[in-house]
Amino acid sequence: MESERASLTVVGRAGTTSTEVLIVGETPKRYRIRALTRTRLGGRDRWLEAGEEALVPRAAVRQLVVPEEVRRGE
């Protein structure tokens, strides 16, 4: 699977946060993501540093639509 840009949304007590990540793999129920910046995950005080990978539920990830012109570099 080629890496795709996506948005990871985490719902917490203080509201929701969305962070841009890369999808680098998948299982039937989860995506394997790679953090582009320091990223908060669900749970108590759970963080990913830039470059680290983790499995997250598919419902928490929204794939970003990139126009074809941008993909080709025009």
PDB file of N, CA and C in Angstrom:
ATOM      1  N   MET A   1       0.844  -1.188   0.000  1.00  0.00           N
ATOM      2  CA  MET A   1       0.000   0.000   0.000  1.00  0.00           C
ATOM      3  C   MET A   1       0.883   1.243   0.000  1.00  0.00           C
ATOM      4  N   GLU A   2       0.571   2.173  -0.859  1.00  0.00           N
ATOM      5  CA  GLU A   2       1.292   3.437  -0.917  1.00  0.00           C
ATOM      6  C   GLU A   2       0.812   4.340   0.213  1.00  0.00           C
ATOM      7  N   SER A   3       1.722   5.134   0.772  1.00  0.00           N
ATOM      8  CA  SER A   3       1.347   6.049   1.864  1.00  0.00           C
ATOM      9  C   SER A   3       0.348   7.085   1.362  1.00  0.00           C
ATOM     10  N   GLU A   4      -0.711   7.294   2.127  1.00  0.00           N
ATOM     11  CA  GLU A   4      -1.736   8.283   1.794  1.00  0.00           C
ATOM     12  C   GLU A   4      -1.881   9.255   2.951  1.00  0.00           C
ATOM     13  N   ARG A   5      -2.085  10.518   2.643  1.00  0.00           N
ATOM     14  CA  ARG A   5      -2.330  11.512   3.685  1.00  0.00           C
ATOM     15  C   ARG A   5      -3.750  11.345   4.206  1.00  0.00           C
ATOM     16  N   ALA A   6      -3.893  11.529   5.523  1.00  0.00           N
ATOM     17  CA  ALA A   6      -5.204  11.395   6.149  1.00  0.00           C
ATOM     18  C   ALA A   6      -5.258  12.290   7.376  1.00  0.00           C
ATOM     19  N   SER A   7      -6.443  12.417   7.925  1.00  0.00           N
ATOM     20  CA  SER A   7      -6.659  13.207   9.132  1.00  0.00           C
ATOM     21  C   SER A   7      -7.112  12.273  10.246  1.00  0.00           C
ATOM     22  N   LEU A   8      -6.389  12.285  11.356  1.00  0.00           N
ATOM     23  CA  LEU A   8      -6.744  11.484  12.533  1.00  0.00           C
ATOM     24  C   LEU A   8      -7.509  12.381  13.491  1.00  0.00           C
ATOM     25  N   THR A   9      -8.740  11.994  13.849  1.00  0.00           N
ATOM     26  CA  THR A   9      -9.565  12.769  14.772  1.00  0.00           C
ATOM     27  C   THR A   9      -9.685  12.016  16.089  1.00  0.00           C
ATOM     28  N   VAL A  10      -9.325  12.702  17.180  1.00  0.00           N
ATOM     29  CA  VAL A  10      -9.401  12.125  18.519  1.00  0.00           C
ATOM     30  C   VAL A  10     -10.386  12.952  19.334  1.00  0.00           C
ATOM     31  N   VAL A  11     -11.361  12.278  19.951  1.00  0.00           N
ATOM     32  CA  VAL A  11     -12.366  12.947  20.784  1.00  0.00           C
ATOM     33  C   VAL A  11     -11.954  12.767  22.241  1.00  0.00           C
ATOM     34  N   GLY A  12     -11.829  13.882  22.954  1.00  0.00           N
ATOM     35  CA  GLY A  12     -11.455  13.829  24.363  1.00  0.00           C
ATOM     36  C   GLY A  12     -12.387  14.678  25.203  1.00  0.00           C
ATOM     37  N   ARG A  13     -12.089  14.782  26.494  1.00  0.00           N
ATOM     38  CA  ARG A  13     -12.936  15.575  27.389  1.00  0.00           C
ATOM     39  C   ARG A  13     -12.917  17.055  27.041  1.00  0.00           C
ATOM     40  N   ALA A  14     -11.808  17.531  26.501  1.00  0.00           N
ATOM     41  CA  ALA A  14     -11.677  18.949  26.181  1.00  0.00           C
ATOM     42  C   ALA A  14     -12.115  19.273  24.756  1.00  0.00           C
ATOM     43  N   GLY A  15     -12.666  18.307  24.038  1.00  0.00           N
ATOM     44  CA  GLY A  15     -13.113  18.537  22.671  1.00  0.00           C
ATOM     45  C   GLY A  15     -12.415  17.597  21.699  1.00  0.00           C
ATOM     46  N   THR A  16     -12.500  17.915  20.409  1.00  0.00           N
ATOM     47  CA  THR A  16     -11.876  17.070  19.399  1.00  0.00           C
ATOM     48  C   THR A  16     -10.629  17.729  18.844  1.00  0.00           C
ATOM     49  N   THR A  17      -9.660  16.907  18.454  1.00  0.00           N
ATOM     50  CA  THR A  17      -8.457  17.397  17.788  1.00  0.00           C
ATOM     51  C   THR A  17      -8.233  16.570  16.537  1.00  0.00           C
ATOM     52  N   SER A  18      -7.818  17.228  15.474  1.00  0.00           N
ATOM     53  CA  SER A  18      -7.498  16.547  14.227  1.00  0.00           C
ATOM     54  C   SER A  18      -6.048  16.826  13.876  1.00  0.00           C
ATOM     55  N   THR A  19      -5.352  15.776  13.448  1.00  0.00           N
ATOM     56  CA  THR A  19      -3.949  15.884  13.107  1.00  0.00           C
ATOM     57  C   THR A  19      -3.715  15.165  11.788  1.00  0.00           C
ATOM     58  N   GLU A  20      -2.879  15.731  10.937  1.00  0.00           N
ATOM     59  CA  GLU A  20      -2.565  15.092   9.667  1.00  0.00           C
ATOM     60  C   GLU A  20      -1.543  13.982   9.886  1.00  0.00           C
ATOM     61  N   VAL A  21      -1.810  12.812   9.290  1.00  0.00           N
ATOM     62  CA  VAL A  21      -0.949  11.632   9.427  1.00  0.00           C
ATOM     63  C   VAL A  21      -0.826  10.954   8.056  1.00  0.00           C
ATOM     64  N   LEU A  22       0.023   9.940   7.978  1.00  0.00           N
ATOM     65  CA  LEU A  22       0.135   9.107   6.786  1.00  0.00           C
ATOM     66  C   LEU A  22      -0.413   7.725   7.096  1.00  0.00           C
ATOM     67  N   ILE A  23      -1.198   7.157   6.184  1.00  0.00           N
ATOM     68  CA  ILE A  23      -1.641   5.773   6.314  1.00  0.00           C
ATOM     69  C   ILE A  23      -0.589   4.917   5.614  1.00  0.00           C
ATOM     70  N   VAL A  24       0.055   4.012   6.351  1.00  0.00           N
ATOM     71  CA  VAL A  24       1.121   3.188   5.774  1.00  0.00           C
ATOM     72  C   VAL A  24       0.746   1.715   5.673  1.00  0.00           C
ATOM     73  N   GLY A  25      -0.399   1.327   6.237  1.00  0.00           N
ATOM     74  CA  GLY A  25      -0.849  -0.065   6.170  1.00  0.00           C
ATOM     75  C   GLY A  25      -2.249  -0.181   6.723  1.00  0.00           C
ATOM     76  N   GLU A  26      -2.787  -1.396   6.654  1.00  0.00           N
ATOM     77  CA  GLU A  26      -4.139  -1.587   7.173  1.00  0.00           C
ATOM     78  C   GLU A  26      -4.367  -3.039   7.551  1.00  0.00           C
ATOM     79  N   THR A  27      -5.308  -3.243   8.457  1.00  0.00           N
ATOM     80  CA  THR A  27      -5.814  -4.556   8.833  1.00  0.00           C
ATOM     81  C   THR A  27      -7.324  -4.484   8.585  1.00  0.00           C
ATOM     82  N   PRO A  28      -8.068  -5.545   8.808  1.00  0.00           N
ATOM     83  CA  PRO A  28      -9.518  -5.467   8.555  1.00  0.00           C
ATOM     84  C   PRO A  28     -10.243  -4.389   9.362  1.00  0.00           C
ATOM     85  N   LYS A  29      -9.776  -4.049  10.571  1.00  0.00           N
ATOM     86  CA  LYS A  29     -10.484  -3.082  11.405  1.00  0.00           C
ATOM     87  C   LYS A  29      -9.678  -1.846  11.759  1.00  0.00           C
ATOM     88  N   ARG A  30      -8.402  -1.802  11.404  1.00  0.00           N
ATOM     89  CA  ARG A  30      -7.547  -0.684  11.816  1.00  0.00           C
ATOM     90  C   ARG A  30      -6.630  -0.237  10.683  1.00  0.00           C
ATOM     91  N   TYR A  31      -6.180   1.021  10.781  1.00  0.00           N
ATOM     92  CA  TYR A  31      -5.147   1.548   9.900  1.00  0.00           C
ATOM     93  C   TYR A  31      -3.849   1.651  10.687  1.00  0.00           C
ATOM     94  N   ARG A  32      -2.731   1.395  10.029  1.00  0.00           N
ATOM     95  CA  ARG A  32      -1.421   1.678  10.615  1.00  0.00           C
ATOM     96  C   ARG A  32      -1.039   3.060  10.107  1.00  0.00           C
ATOM     97  N   ILE A  33      -0.841   3.985  11.035  1.00  0.00           N
ATOM     98  CA  ILE A  33      -0.529   5.367  10.668  1.00  0.00           C
ATOM     99  C   ILE A  33       0.892   5.706  11.086  1.00  0.00           C
ATOM    100  N   ARG A  34       1.469   6.708  10.414  1.00  0.00           N
ATOM    101  CA  ARG A  34       2.757   7.280  10.798  1.00  0.00           C
ATOM    102  C   ARG A  34       2.521   8.755  11.089  1.00  0.00           C
ATOM    103  N   ALA A  35       2.946   9.193  12.253  1.00  0.00           N
ATOM    104  CA  ALA A  35       2.735  10.579  12.666  1.00  0.00           C
ATOM    105  C   ALA A  35       3.674  11.515  11.902  1.00  0.00           C
ATOM    106  N   LEU A  36       3.144  12.647  11.435  1.00  0.00           N
ATOM    107  CA  LEU A  36       3.961  13.669  10.785  1.00  0.00           C
ATOM    108  C   LEU A  36       4.461  14.691  11.803  1.00  0.00           C
ATOM    109  N   THR A  37       3.688  14.893  12.856  1.00  0.00           N
ATOM    110  CA  THR A  37       4.058  15.781  13.960  1.00  0.00           C
ATOM    111  C   THR A  37       3.718  15.047  15.250  1.00  0.00           C
ATOM    112  N   ARG A  38       3.995  15.655  16.384  1.00  0.00           N
ATOM    113  CA  ARG A  38       3.604  15.047  17.659  1.00  0.00           C
ATOM    114  C   ARG A  38       2.079  14.936  17.678  1.00  0.00           C
ATOM    115  N   THR A  39       1.578  13.727  17.906  1.00  0.00           N
ATOM    116  CA  THR A  39       0.156  13.426  17.741  1.00  0.00           C
ATOM    117  C   THR A  39      -0.396  12.771  18.995  1.00  0.00           C
ATOM    118  N   ARG A  40      -1.540  13.271  19.468  1.00  0.00           N
ATOM    119  CA  ARG A  40      -2.198  12.663  20.625  1.00  0.00           C
ATOM    120  C   ARG A  40      -3.081  11.524  20.154  1.00  0.00           C
ATOM    121  N   LEU A  41      -3.027  10.413  20.887  1.00  0.00           N
ATOM    122  CA  LEU A  41      -3.899   9.273  20.615  1.00  0.00           C
ATOM    123  C   LEU A  41      -4.907   9.141  21.741  1.00  0.00           C
ATOM    124  N   GLY A  42      -5.910   8.282  21.554  1.00  0.00           N
ATOM    125  CA  GLY A  42      -6.882   8.034  22.607  1.00  0.00           C
ATOM    126  C   GLY A  42      -6.216   7.368  23.801  1.00  0.00           C
ATOM    127  N   GLY A  43      -6.834   7.480  24.932  1.00  0.00           N
ATOM    128  CA  GLY A  43      -6.247   6.902  26.142  1.00  0.00           C
ATOM    129  C   GLY A  43      -5.632   7.992  27.002  1.00  0.00           C
ATOM    130  N   ARG A  44      -5.087   7.573  28.098  1.00  0.00           N
ATOM    131  CA  ARG A  44      -4.569   8.538  29.050  1.00  0.00           C
ATOM    132  C   ARG A  44      -3.103   8.847  28.769  1.00  0.00           C
ATOM    133  N   ASP A  45      -2.828  10.084  28.372  1.00  0.00           N
ATOM    134  CA  ASP A  45      -1.466  10.561  28.137  1.00  0.00           C
ATOM    135  C   ASP A  45      -0.715   9.684  27.136  1.00  0.00           C
ATOM    136  N   ARG A  46      -1.347   9.389  26.004  1.00  0.00           N
ATOM    137  CA  ARG A  46      -0.723   8.561  24.971  1.00  0.00           C
ATOM    138  C   ARG A  46      -0.397   9.429  23.764  1.00  0.00           C
ATOM    139  N   TRP A  47       0.882   9.517  23.406  1.00  0.00           N
ATOM    140  CA  TRP A  47       1.355  10.384  22.326  1.00  0.00           C
ATOM    141  C   TRP A  47       2.241   9.610  21.366  1.00  0.00           C
ATOM    142  N   LEU A  48       2.242  10.037  20.100  1.00  0.00           N
ATOM    143  CA  LEU A  48       3.191   9.559  19.105  1.00  0.00           C
ATOM    144  C   LEU A  48       4.100  10.714  18.740  1.00  0.00           C
ATOM    145  N   GLU A  49       5.379  10.463  18.681  1.00  0.00           N
ATOM    146  CA  GLU A  49       6.318  11.476  18.191  1.00  0.00           C
ATOM    147  C   GLU A  49       6.368  11.369  16.667  1.00  0.00           C
ATOM    148  N   ALA A  50       6.862  12.399  15.998  1.00  0.00           N
ATOM    149  CA  ALA A  50       6.957  12.404  14.538  1.00  0.00           C
ATOM    150  C   ALA A  50       7.752  11.190  14.070  1.00  0.00           C
ATOM    151  N   GLY A  51       7.202  10.460  13.092  1.00  0.00           N
ATOM    152  CA  GLY A  51       7.863   9.286  12.543  1.00  0.00           C
ATOM    153  C   GLY A  51       7.460   7.973  13.180  1.00  0.00           C
ATOM    154  N   GLU A  52       6.837   8.003  14.353  1.00  0.00           N
ATOM    155  CA  GLU A  52       6.403   6.769  15.006  1.00  0.00           C
ATOM    156  C   GLU A  52       5.115   6.255  14.368  1.00  0.00           C
ATOM    157  N   GLU A  53       4.895   4.940  14.483  1.00  0.00           N
ATOM    158  CA  GLU A  53       3.705   4.314  13.900  1.00  0.00           C
ATOM    159  C   GLU A  53       2.830   3.687  14.979  1.00  0.00           C
ATOM    160  N   ALA A  54       1.524   3.597  14.674  1.00  0.00           N
ATOM    161  CA  ALA A  54       0.578   2.974  15.596  1.00  0.00           C
ATOM    162  C   ALA A  54      -0.627   2.475  14.806  1.00  0.00           C
ATOM    163  N   LEU A  55      -1.336   1.511  15.376  1.00  0.00           N
ATOM    164  CA  LEU A  55      -2.601   1.053  14.813  1.00  0.00           C
ATOM    165  C   LEU A  55      -3.731   1.840  15.458  1.00  0.00           C
ATOM    166  N   VAL A  56      -4.647   2.365  14.646  1.00  0.00           N
ATOM    167  CA  VAL A  56      -5.781   3.139  15.154  1.00  0.00           C
ATOM    168  C   VAL A  56      -7.055   2.642  14.479  1.00  0.00           C
ATOM    169  N   PRO A  57      -8.216   2.807  15.122  1.00  0.00           N
ATOM    170  CA  PRO A  57      -9.481   2.380  14.514  1.00  0.00           C
ATOM    171  C   PRO A  57      -9.761   3.127  13.210  1.00  0.00           C
ATOM    172  N   ARG A  58     -10.340   2.427  12.244  1.00  0.00           N
ATOM    173  CA  ARG A  58     -10.663   3.061  10.956  1.00  0.00           C
ATOM    174  C   ARG A  58     -11.616   4.245  11.114  1.00  0.00           C
ATOM    175  N   ALA A  59     -12.505   4.180  12.097  1.00  0.00           N
ATOM    176  CA  ALA A  59     -13.480   5.257  12.298  1.00  0.00           C
ATOM    177  C   ALA A  59     -12.802   6.571  12.698  1.00  0.00           C
ATOM    178  N   ALA A  60     -11.588   6.522  13.216  1.00  0.00           N
ATOM    179  CA  ALA A  60     -10.889   7.738  13.657  1.00  0.00           C
ATOM    180  C   ALA A  60     -10.118   8.409  12.528  1.00  0.00           C
ATOM    181  N   VAL A  61     -10.052   7.765  11.353  1.00  0.00           N
ATOM    182  CA  VAL A  61      -9.227   8.273  10.254  1.00  0.00           C
ATOM    183  C   VAL A  61     -10.105   8.667   9.084  1.00  0.00           C
ATOM    184  N   ARG A  62      -9.858   9.855   8.547  1.00  0.00           N
ATOM    185  CA  ARG A  62     -10.568  10.322   7.352  1.00  0.00           C
ATOM    186  C   ARG A  62      -9.519  10.610   6.286  1.00  0.00           C
ATOM    187  N   GLN A  63      -9.603   9.898   5.161  1.00  0.00           N
ATOM    188  CA  GLN A  63      -8.628  10.096   4.095  1.00  0.00           C
ATOM    189  C   GLN A  63      -8.852  11.444   3.440  1.00  0.00           C
ATOM    190  N   LEU A  64      -7.745  12.137   3.176  1.00  0.00           N
ATOM    191  CA  LEU A  64      -7.811  13.442   2.539  1.00  0.00           C
ATOM    192  C   LEU A  64      -7.828  13.260   1.027  1.00  0.00           C
ATOM    193  N   VAL A  65      -8.694  14.007   0.350  1.00  0.00           N
ATOM    194  CA  VAL A  65      -8.791  13.943  -1.099  1.00  0.00           C
ATOM    195  C   VAL A  65      -7.821  14.962  -1.675  1.00  0.00           C
ATOM    196  N   VAL A  66      -6.903  14.470  -2.493  1.00  0.00           N
ATOM    197  CA  VAL A  66      -5.900  15.348  -3.113  1.00  0.00           C
ATOM    198  C   VAL A  66      -6.230  15.433  -4.601  1.00  0.00           C
ATOM    199  N   PRO A  67      -6.380  16.655  -5.146  1.00  0.00           N
ATOM    200  CA  PRO A  67      -6.686  16.786  -6.577  1.00  0.00           C
ATOM    201  C   PRO A  67      -5.618  16.132  -7.436  1.00  0.00           C
ATOM    202  N   GLU A  68      -6.022  15.612  -8.573  1.00  0.00           N
ATOM    203  CA  GLU A  68      -5.114  14.900  -9.492  1.00  0.00           C
ATOM    204  C   GLU A  68      -3.954  15.786  -9.937  1.00  0.00           C
ATOM    205  N   GLU A  69      -4.195  17.095 -10.140  1.00  0.00           N
ATOM    206  CA  GLU A  69      -3.140  18.009 -10.595  1.00  0.00           C
ATOM    207  C   GLU A  69      -2.010  18.098  -9.563  1.00  0.00           C
ATOM    208  N   VAL A  70      -2.369  18.046  -8.288  1.00  0.00           N
ATOM    209  CA  VAL A  70      -1.371  18.120  -7.225  1.00  0.00           C
ATOM    210  C   VAL A  70      -0.550  16.840  -7.192  1.00  0.00           C
ATOM    211  N   ARG A  71      -1.201  15.701  -7.396  1.00  0.00           N
ATOM    212  CA  ARG A  71      -0.481  14.421  -7.396  1.00  0.00           C
ATOM    213  C   ARG A  71       0.536  14.348  -8.522  1.00  0.00           C
ATOM    214  N   ARG A  72       0.192  14.918  -9.681  1.00  0.00           N
ATOM    215  CA  ARG A  72       1.098  14.867 -10.832  1.00  0.00           C
ATOM    216  C   ARG A  72       2.182  15.933 -10.741  1.00  0.00           C
ATOM    217  N   GLY A  73       2.043  16.894  -9.851  1.00  0.00           N
ATOM    218  CA  GLY A  73       3.043  17.938  -9.685  1.00  0.00           C
ATOM    219  C   GLY A  73       2.906  19.104 -10.651  1.00  0.00           C
ATOM    220  N   GLU A  74       1.719  19.332 -11.166  1.00  0.00           N
ATOM    221  CA  GLU A  74       1.507  20.464 -12.091  1.00  0.00           C
ATOM    222  C   GLU A  74       1.287  21.743 -11.345  1.00  0.00           C
TER     223      GLU A  74
END
